[in-house]
Amino acid sequence: MAWESGARCNVDGFQDWLYIRRMPARKIQVGQVWKKDDTAESYLITKVYNEALTTYVVLRRTGAESERPVKVKVDNRGPIQTLPGYSYALESDDF
């Protein structure tokens, strides 16, 4: 067929793994694990919601379900969303 190319592109799994590991979270979702920067404790996102033009997440520390949840404002920097004071756990070597 005219639209098919005769050239093949092989994708190595290891390169995919490095790419995924280095990319920050583009969209914050329920179920993601984030680490607090100053204590390296892991937090699970249990809720994502909007108030007016601002997005918030509710975080609960893993292994400490009886503690109060933490509400954090999402920082939108272009197409990437971040949580101030937290790092996406997949960027950490510990996860």
Protein backbone atom coordinates (compact mmCIF):
# COMPACT_ATOMS: atom_id res chain seq x y z
CA MET A 1 0.00 0.00 0.00
CA ALA A 2 1.09 3.55 -0.65
CA TRP A 3 0.79 4.70 2.99
CA GLU A 4 2.96 1.94 4.44
CA SER A 5 6.67 2.53 4.80
CA GLY A 6 9.19 -0.18 4.09
CA ALA A 7 11.38 1.03 6.98
CA ARG A 8 10.90 -0.46 10.45
CA CYS A 9 11.39 1.31 13.71
CA ASN A 10 12.35 -0.93 16.61
CA VAL A 11 11.68 0.50 20.05
CA ASP A 12 13.86 -0.83 22.82
CA GLY A 13 12.03 -1.40 26.11
CA PHE A 14 14.89 0.01 28.16
CA GLN A 15 14.71 3.36 26.34
CA ASP A 16 10.96 3.49 26.95
CA TRP A 17 11.57 2.87 30.63
CA LEU A 18 14.06 5.76 30.86
CA TYR A 19 11.69 8.11 29.04
CA ILE A 20 8.76 7.25 31.30
CA ARG A 21 10.90 7.52 34.42
CA ARG A 22 12.18 11.00 33.57
CA MET A 23 8.89 12.56 32.52
CA PRO A 24 6.94 14.51 35.17
CA ALA A 25 3.22 13.96 35.60
CA ARG A 26 1.33 15.73 32.86
CA LYS A 27 -2.01 15.22 34.57
CA ILE A 28 -2.57 14.66 38.25
CA GLN A 29 -4.96 11.78 38.88
CA VAL A 30 -6.48 9.88 41.78
CA GLY A 31 -4.28 6.94 42.75
CA GLN A 32 -0.93 8.57 41.98
CA VAL A 33 1.76 8.50 44.67
CA TRP A 34 3.74 11.67 45.44
CA LYS A 35 6.64 12.09 47.88
CA LYS A 36 6.92 15.07 50.20
CA ASP A 37 10.21 16.83 49.40
CA ASP A 38 11.38 17.58 52.93
CA THR A 39 10.48 14.23 54.58
CA ALA A 40 10.38 11.79 51.61
CA GLU A 41 7.09 10.37 52.95
CA SER A 42 4.74 8.93 50.34
CA TYR A 43 1.26 10.39 49.84
CA LEU A 44 -1.61 8.97 47.81
CA ILE A 45 -3.95 11.27 45.88
CA THR A 46 -7.47 10.40 47.00
CA LYS A 47 -9.42 13.25 45.41
CA VAL A 48 -8.97 15.88 42.68
CA TYR A 49 -11.46 18.75 42.50
CA ASN A 50 -11.91 22.30 41.24
CA GLU A 51 -12.92 25.42 43.13
CA ALA A 52 -13.59 28.29 40.74
CA LEU A 53 -10.48 28.37 38.51
CA THR A 54 -8.19 26.48 40.88
CA THR A 55 -7.56 22.74 41.12
CA TYR A 56 -6.90 21.07 44.48
CA VAL A 57 -5.91 17.55 45.49
CA VAL A 58 -6.48 15.70 48.73
CA LEU A 59 -3.46 13.67 49.83
CA ARG A 60 -3.35 10.93 52.43
CA ARG A 61 -0.05 9.63 53.80
CA THR A 62 0.46 5.98 52.89
CA GLY A 63 0.37 3.69 55.90
CA ALA A 64 -1.27 6.35 58.09
CA GLU A 65 -4.94 6.26 57.10
CA SER A 66 -6.04 7.55 60.52
CA GLU A 67 -4.21 10.88 60.02
CA ARG A 68 -6.00 13.88 58.60
CA PRO A 69 -5.76 14.30 54.82
CA VAL A 70 -3.79 17.20 53.35
CA LYS A 71 -5.27 19.66 50.84
CA VAL A 72 -2.78 21.01 48.27
CA LYS A 73 -3.29 23.53 45.45
CA VAL A 74 -2.18 22.23 42.03
CA ASP A 75 0.42 24.37 40.24
CA ASN A 76 -0.18 24.48 36.47
CA ARG A 77 2.97 25.24 34.50
CA GLY A 78 2.00 25.01 30.88
CA PRO A 79 0.94 21.48 30.04
CA ILE A 80 2.47 20.04 33.23
CA GLN A 81 0.78 19.95 36.64
CA THR A 82 2.83 19.89 39.84
CA LEU A 83 2.24 19.91 43.58
CA PRO A 84 4.39 22.47 45.43
CA GLY A 85 6.55 20.72 48.01
CA TYR A 86 5.95 17.26 46.49
CA SER A 87 7.61 15.19 43.77
CA TYR A 88 5.95 12.58 41.58
CA ALA A 89 6.99 9.21 43.04
CA LEU A 90 7.88 7.66 39.66
CA GLU A 91 10.72 10.19 39.37
CA SER A 92 12.22 8.81 42.59
CA ASP A 93 14.63 5.88 42.67
CA ASP A 94 12.85 4.56 45.78
CA PHE A 95 9.56 3.78 44.10
